[in-house]
């Protein structure tokens, strides 16, 4: 309980830093929040492959978020973010067993296509990176959903929920940060980013 309280407070200070236009505070507490989640994963998670993939993903996310603070390193941040998501995806991939549920992939793909065309007028030059990011996020959510459908327990439900929240957070960030700033969107982007990580970490310790 105390661990989650510390993580929540650290995430809150990061969100407040974004709200008050204090990038240093926001970055420091963002990295610290992810570090606390990393420590929680390594100390309370089982010694299995998917736990280590989650821990590795958190380390890459910390690096990517640090690079994001340097404007000249934005391409590296994008690549780092993709790699971190692939680490998370592999955490669910190694848990896969049984037959593939294709209707879930079809549903997620259809939803992503609809969302893409609805947002296309706002994307402009972001079309290519959004397609790449969207593909990785669909793969990410699908793998987590597959694990949950094959083993419908509380932990896997948390993991699947975390992937869906992260997808929404990434989409809002792309629109708000690069194309069309929206009022108070930073609250959703920052808050949902931490919630997504917390849900995914919770899936390996419960």
Foldseek 3Di string as FASTA:
>chain_A
DVLVVVLVVLLVQLLVCVVVVNNVSNLVSVLVSLVSLLVCLVPQFDPDDLSVLLSVLSVLLNVLSVLVVDVVSPVVSLVSNLVSLVSNLVSLVVLADDDADVVLLVVLVVVLVVVCVVCVVQCVVVNVSCVVVSVSLSSSLRSLVNNCVVPVDDLSVLLNVLSVLVVVLVVLCSRCVPTPNDPPSSSSNSVSPSSSSVSNSSSRRD
